[in-house]
Amino acid sequence: MNRGGGLYSWFFQRITGILLAIGILLHLLVNHFGESPVSFDSVAFRVRHLGWFIFDILLLGLCFYHGFNGLVSVIIDFNPGIKIKRGVVAVMFSLGVIIFIYGVLSLTAFRP
């Protein structure tokens, strides 16, 4: 692998994929096949509990890492120059962090 961290990127892509499969299955079972239909009130009630709040933040983080890392990997597979590669990584990292923070703030709005 190259010095650019390709091994770690590859490894964490696999780990996040496994964790996402488990997390999304749990999310679907609780939210969409649970006792009550999905509504604003049922989601707000669930997110008020610290365990589900943390679970949702972790799932959000896994989704962003997996998605943005995959997108960067696809772009880098086209073998751009080093400046373009660094720019793509910087833009994707910045977008990921900004959108993740927005998602966490959205979840925080449900907390008492």
N, C-alpha and C. Protein backbone atom coordinates (compact mmCIF):
# COMPACT_ATOMS: atom_id res chain seq x y z
N MET A 1 0.83 -1.18 0.00
CA MET A 1 0.00 0.00 0.00
C MET A 1 0.88 1.25 0.00
N ASN A 2 0.29 2.33 -0.45
CA ASN A 2 1.05 3.58 -0.50
C ASN A 2 1.11 4.25 0.86
N ARG A 3 1.90 5.29 0.93
CA ARG A 3 2.07 6.02 2.18
C ARG A 3 0.84 6.81 2.58
N GLY A 4 -0.13 6.96 1.69
CA GLY A 4 -1.28 7.82 1.93
C GLY A 4 -2.33 7.24 2.85
N GLY A 5 -2.06 6.13 3.50
CA GLY A 5 -3.03 5.57 4.44
C GLY A 5 -4.04 4.67 3.79
N GLY A 6 -3.72 4.11 2.63
CA GLY A 6 -4.66 3.25 1.92
C GLY A 6 -5.05 2.01 2.69
N LEU A 7 -4.13 1.45 3.46
CA LEU A 7 -4.44 0.25 4.23
C LEU A 7 -5.48 0.54 5.30
N TYR A 8 -5.30 1.65 6.02
CA TYR A 8 -6.26 2.00 7.07
C TYR A 8 -7.62 2.34 6.47
N SER A 9 -7.62 3.04 5.38
CA SER A 9 -8.86 3.38 4.71
C SER A 9 -9.61 2.12 4.28
N TRP A 10 -8.89 1.18 3.70
CA TRP A 10 -9.48 -0.09 3.26
C TRP A 10 -10.02 -0.87 4.46
N PHE A 11 -9.22 -0.96 5.52
CA PHE A 11 -9.60 -1.72 6.70
C PHE A 11 -10.85 -1.13 7.36
N PHE A 12 -10.86 0.19 7.58
CA PHE A 12 -12.00 0.81 8.25
C PHE A 12 -13.24 0.82 7.36
N GLN A 13 -13.07 0.76 6.06
CA GLN A 13 -14.22 0.64 5.17
C GLN A 13 -14.94 -0.69 5.42
N ARG A 14 -14.16 -1.75 5.63
CA ARG A 14 -14.75 -3.07 5.91
C ARG A 14 -15.39 -3.10 7.29
N ILE A 15 -14.69 -2.54 8.28
CA ILE A 15 -15.22 -2.54 9.65
C ILE A 15 -16.52 -1.74 9.72
N THR A 16 -16.52 -0.55 9.13
CA THR A 16 -17.74 0.26 9.17
C THR A 16 -18.87 -0.40 8.39
N GLY A 17 -18.54 -1.13 7.33
CA GLY A 17 -19.57 -1.85 6.58
C GLY A 17 -20.26 -2.91 7.44
N ILE A 18 -19.47 -3.65 8.21
CA ILE A 18 -20.04 -4.67 9.10
C ILE A 18 -20.87 -4.01 10.19
N LEU A 19 -20.32 -2.96 10.82
CA LEU A 19 -21.06 -2.27 11.88
C LEU A 19 -22.33 -1.61 11.35
N LEU A 20 -22.27 -1.10 10.13
CA LEU A 20 -23.47 -0.49 9.53
C LEU A 20 -24.55 -1.54 9.27
N ALA A 21 -24.16 -2.70 8.81
CA ALA A 21 -25.14 -3.76 8.56
C ALA A 21 -25.88 -4.12 9.85
N ILE A 22 -25.14 -4.23 10.94
CA ILE A 22 -25.75 -4.54 12.23
C ILE A 22 -26.59 -3.36 12.72
N GLY A 23 -26.04 -2.15 12.65
CA GLY A 23 -26.74 -0.96 13.13
C GLY A 23 -28.01 -0.66 12.36
N ILE A 24 -27.94 -0.78 11.05
CA ILE A 24 -29.13 -0.50 10.24
C ILE A 24 -30.20 -1.55 10.46
N LEU A 25 -29.79 -2.80 10.64
CA LEU A 25 -30.77 -3.85 10.94
C LEU A 25 -31.48 -3.54 12.26
N LEU A 26 -30.73 -3.17 13.28
CA LEU A 26 -31.32 -2.80 14.56
C LEU A 26 -32.22 -1.57 14.41
N HIS A 27 -31.76 -0.59 13.66
CA HIS A 27 -32.55 0.63 13.41
C HIS A 27 -33.89 0.27 12.75
N LEU A 28 -33.82 -0.57 11.73
CA LEU A 28 -35.06 -0.96 11.03
C LEU A 28 -36.00 -1.75 11.94
N LEU A 29 -35.45 -2.67 12.71
CA LEU A 29 -36.29 -3.47 13.60
C LEU A 29 -37.00 -2.61 14.64
N VAL A 30 -36.28 -1.66 15.21
CA VAL A 30 -36.86 -0.83 16.27
C VAL A 30 -37.81 0.21 15.70
N ASN A 31 -37.39 0.90 14.64
CA ASN A 31 -38.19 2.02 14.13
C ASN A 31 -39.32 1.61 13.21
N HIS A 32 -39.09 0.65 12.36
CA HIS A 32 -40.07 0.36 11.32
C HIS A 32 -40.88 -0.91 11.57
N PHE A 33 -40.40 -1.76 12.45
CA PHE A 33 -41.14 -2.97 12.76
C PHE A 33 -41.44 -3.07 14.24
N GLY A 34 -41.35 -1.95 14.93
CA GLY A 34 -41.60 -1.91 16.37
C GLY A 34 -43.07 -1.85 16.69
N GLU A 35 -43.34 -1.52 17.95
CA GLU A 35 -44.71 -1.51 18.44
C GLU A 35 -45.55 -0.38 17.85
N SER A 36 -44.97 0.81 17.79
CA SER A 36 -45.75 1.96 17.33
C SER A 36 -45.31 2.39 15.94
N PRO A 37 -46.22 3.00 15.18
CA PRO A 37 -45.83 3.50 13.86
C PRO A 37 -44.84 4.66 13.99
N VAL A 38 -44.05 4.84 12.98
CA VAL A 38 -43.06 5.92 13.01
C VAL A 38 -43.79 7.26 12.90
N SER A 39 -43.54 8.11 13.86
CA SER A 39 -44.09 9.46 13.87
C SER A 39 -43.06 10.37 14.52
N PHE A 40 -43.31 11.64 14.42
CA PHE A 40 -42.41 12.60 15.05
C PHE A 40 -42.31 12.34 16.55
N ASP A 41 -43.46 12.09 17.17
CA ASP A 41 -43.48 11.87 18.62
C ASP A 41 -42.74 10.59 19.02
N SER A 42 -42.89 9.53 18.25
CA SER A 42 -42.22 8.28 18.61
C SER A 42 -40.70 8.41 18.46
N VAL A 43 -40.26 9.11 17.43
CA VAL A 43 -38.82 9.33 17.24
C VAL A 43 -38.27 10.24 18.33
N ALA A 44 -39.00 11.30 18.64
CA ALA A 44 -38.56 12.22 19.69
C ALA A 44 -38.49 11.51 21.04
N PHE A 45 -39.45 10.65 21.33
CA PHE A 45 -39.45 9.90 22.58
C PHE A 45 -38.23 8.98 22.67
N ARG A 46 -37.92 8.30 21.58
CA ARG A 46 -36.79 7.38 21.56
C ARG A 46 -35.47 8.12 21.70
N VAL A 47 -35.32 9.24 21.01
CA VAL A 47 -34.04 9.97 21.03
C VAL A 47 -33.80 10.62 22.40
N ARG A 48 -34.85 10.84 23.19
CA ARG A 48 -34.66 11.41 24.52
C ARG A 48 -33.89 10.47 25.45
N HIS A 49 -33.91 9.19 25.15
CA HIS A 49 -33.16 8.22 25.96
C HIS A 49 -31.70 8.23 25.53
N LEU A 50 -30.81 8.34 26.49
CA LEU A 50 -29.38 8.52 26.21
C LEU A 50 -28.81 7.38 25.36
N GLY A 51 -29.21 6.17 25.62
CA GLY A 51 -28.69 5.03 24.86
C GLY A 51 -29.02 5.13 23.38
N TRP A 52 -30.26 5.46 23.06
CA TRP A 52 -30.66 5.60 21.66
C TRP A 52 -30.04 6.83 21.02
N PHE A 53 -29.89 7.87 21.81
CA PHE A 53 -29.24 9.09 21.32
C PHE A 53 -27.81 8.77 20.89
N ILE A 54 -27.08 8.07 21.74
CA ILE A 54 -25.70 7.69 21.41
C ILE A 54 -25.67 6.74 20.22
N PHE A 55 -26.60 5.78 20.19
CA PHE A 55 -26.68 4.85 19.07
C PHE A 55 -26.89 5.61 17.76
N ASP A 56 -27.80 6.58 17.76
CA ASP A 56 -28.07 7.34 16.53
C ASP A 56 -26.86 8.16 16.09
N ILE A 57 -26.13 8.74 17.04
CA ILE A 57 -24.94 9.50 16.69
C ILE A 57 -23.87 8.57 16.12
N LEU A 58 -23.69 7.41 16.73
CA LEU A 58 -22.71 6.45 16.21
C LEU A 58 -23.09 5.96 14.82
N LEU A 59 -24.36 5.68 14.62
CA LEU A 59 -24.82 5.22 13.30
C LEU A 59 -24.62 6.33 12.26
N LEU A 60 -24.89 7.55 12.64
CA LEU A 60 -24.67 8.68 11.75
C LEU A 60 -23.19 8.80 11.38
N GLY A 61 -22.33 8.70 12.38
CA GLY A 61 -20.89 8.77 12.13
C GLY A 61 -20.40 7.64 11.24
N LEU A 62 -20.89 6.43 11.48
CA LEU A 62 -20.51 5.29 10.64
C LEU A 62 -20.95 5.51 9.19
N CYS A 63 -22.16 6.01 9.03
CA CYS A 63 -22.68 6.27 7.67
C CYS A 63 -21.82 7.29 6.94
N PHE A 64 -21.49 8.37 7.62
CA PHE A 64 -20.67 9.40 6.97
C PHE A 64 -19.28 8.90 6.65
N TYR A 65 -18.65 8.22 7.60
CA TYR A 65 -17.30 7.72 7.32
C TYR A 65 -17.33 6.75 6.14
N HIS A 66 -18.24 5.80 6.19
CA HIS A 66 -18.31 4.78 5.15
C HIS A 66 -18.62 5.39 3.78
N GLY A 67 -19.57 6.30 3.75
CA GLY A 67 -19.96 6.91 2.48
C GLY A 67 -18.90 7.82 1.89
N PHE A 68 -18.38 8.73 2.70
CA PHE A 68 -17.37 9.66 2.19
C PHE A 68 -16.05 8.95 1.90
N ASN A 69 -15.67 7.98 2.71
CA ASN A 69 -14.45 7.22 2.45
C ASN A 69 -14.59 6.42 1.16
N GLY A 70 -15.76 5.85 0.94
CA GLY A 70 -16.00 5.12 -0.31
C GLY A 70 -15.94 6.03 -1.52
N LEU A 71 -16.52 7.20 -1.40
CA LEU A 71 -16.50 8.17 -2.50
C LEU A 71 -15.08 8.63 -2.81
N VAL A 72 -14.31 8.91 -1.76
CA VAL A 72 -12.91 9.30 -1.96
C VAL A 72 -12.14 8.16 -2.63
N SER A 73 -12.39 6.94 -2.22
CA SER A 73 -11.70 5.79 -2.81
C SER A 73 -12.01 5.65 -4.29
N VAL A 74 -13.26 5.86 -4.65
CA VAL A 74 -13.65 5.77 -6.06
C VAL A 74 -12.95 6.85 -6.87
N ILE A 75 -12.92 8.07 -6.35
CA ILE A 75 -12.27 9.17 -7.06
C ILE A 75 -10.78 8.92 -7.19
N ILE A 76 -10.15 8.42 -6.13
CA ILE A 76 -8.72 8.16 -6.16
C ILE A 76 -8.37 6.99 -7.09
N ASP A 77 -9.32 6.09 -7.30
CA ASP A 77 -9.09 4.98 -8.25
C ASP A 77 -8.83 5.49 -9.67
N PHE A 78 -9.27 6.71 -9.97
CA PHE A 78 -9.01 7.29 -11.28
C PHE A 78 -7.60 7.86 -11.37
N ASN A 79 -6.83 7.71 -10.29
CA ASN A 79 -5.41 8.09 -10.24
C ASN A 79 -5.17 9.56 -10.61
N PRO A 80 -5.82 10.49 -9.87
CA PRO A 80 -5.57 11.91 -10.14
C PRO A 80 -4.19 12.31 -9.61
N GLY A 81 -3.79 13.50 -9.94
CA GLY A 81 -2.53 14.01 -9.42
C GLY A 81 -2.61 14.21 -7.91
N ILE A 82 -1.45 14.40 -7.30
CA ILE A 82 -1.39 14.52 -5.84
C ILE A 82 -2.16 15.74 -5.34
N LYS A 83 -2.15 16.85 -6.08
CA LYS A 83 -2.88 18.05 -5.64
C LYS A 83 -4.39 17.81 -5.68
N ILE A 84 -4.85 17.16 -6.72
CA ILE A 84 -6.28 16.86 -6.82
C ILE A 84 -6.68 15.87 -5.73
N LYS A 85 -5.84 14.88 -5.50
CA LYS A 85 -6.12 13.89 -4.46
C LYS A 85 -6.24 14.58 -3.10
N ARG A 86 -5.30 15.44 -2.78
CA ARG A 86 -5.34 16.16 -1.50
C ARG A 86 -6.57 17.06 -1.42
N GLY A 87 -6.91 17.70 -2.52
CA GLY A 87 -8.10 18.56 -2.54
C GLY A 87 -9.38 17.77 -2.32
N VAL A 88 -9.48 16.63 -2.98
CA VAL A 88 -10.67 15.78 -2.82
C VAL A 88 -10.79 15.32 -1.37
N VAL A 89 -9.68 14.86 -0.80
CA VAL A 89 -9.71 14.41 0.59
C VAL A 89 -10.10 15.55 1.51
N ALA A 90 -9.55 16.74 1.30
CA ALA A 90 -9.86 17.89 2.16
C ALA A 90 -11.33 18.29 2.04
N VAL A 91 -11.85 18.33 0.82
CA VAL A 91 -13.25 18.71 0.61
C VAL A 91 -14.18 17.68 1.22
N MET A 92 -13.92 16.40 0.98
CA MET A 92 -14.79 15.35 1.51
C MET A 92 -14.75 15.31 3.03
N PHE A 93 -13.55 15.48 3.60
CA PHE A 93 -13.43 15.50 5.06
C PHE A 93 -14.21 16.68 5.63
N SER A 94 -14.05 17.85 5.04
CA SER A 94 -14.74 19.05 5.52
C SER A 94 -16.24 18.90 5.42
N LEU A 95 -16.72 18.43 4.28
CA LEU A 95 -18.16 18.22 4.10
C LEU A 95 -18.69 17.20 5.10
N GLY A 96 -17.95 16.12 5.28
CA GLY A 96 -18.38 15.09 6.22
C GLY A 96 -18.50 15.63 7.63
N VAL A 97 -17.51 16.39 8.07
CA VAL A 97 -17.53 16.94 9.43
C VAL A 97 -18.67 17.94 9.58
N ILE A 98 -18.85 18.81 8.61
CA ILE A 98 -19.91 19.83 8.69
C ILE A 98 -21.29 19.18 8.73
N ILE A 99 -21.53 18.21 7.86
CA ILE A 99 -22.85 17.57 7.81
C ILE A 99 -23.06 16.70 9.05
N PHE A 100 -22.00 16.05 9.54
CA PHE A 100 -22.11 15.27 10.76
C PHE A 100 -22.49 16.16 11.95
N ILE A 101 -21.85 17.31 12.07
CA ILE A 101 -22.17 18.24 13.15
C ILE A 101 -23.62 18.70 13.03
N TYR A 102 -24.07 18.98 11.83
CA TYR A 102 -25.47 19.37 11.62
C TYR A 102 -26.41 18.25 12.05
N GLY A 103 -26.06 17.01 11.73
CA GLY A 103 -26.88 15.87 12.14
C GLY A 103 -26.93 15.71 13.65
N VAL A 104 -25.79 15.87 14.31
CA VAL A 104 -25.74 15.77 15.77
C VAL A 104 -26.57 16.89 16.40
N LEU A 105 -26.45 18.10 15.86
CA LEU A 105 -27.26 19.21 16.38
C LEU A 105 -28.75 18.95 16.18
N SER A 106 -29.11 18.33 15.07
CA SER A 106 -30.52 17.99 14.83
C SER A 106 -31.01 16.99 15.86
N LEU A 107 -30.18 16.00 16.19
CA LEU A 107 -30.57 15.03 17.22
C LEU A 107 -30.62 15.68 18.60
N THR A 108 -29.70 16.59 18.85
CA THR A 108 -29.63 17.26 20.14
C THR A 108 -30.89 18.10 20.41
N ALA A 109 -31.52 18.55 19.35
CA ALA A 109 -32.74 19.35 19.52
C ALA A 109 -33.86 18.55 20.22
N PHE A 110 -33.79 17.24 20.15
CA PHE A 110 -34.81 16.40 20.80
C PHE A 110 -34.51 16.13 22.27
N ARG A 111 -33.28 16.44 22.68
CA ARG A 111 -32.88 16.16 24.07
C ARG A 111 -33.50 17.20 25.00
N PRO A 112 -33.89 16.78 26.21
CA PRO A 112 -34.49 17.75 27.15
C PRO A 112 -33.45 18.71 27.71
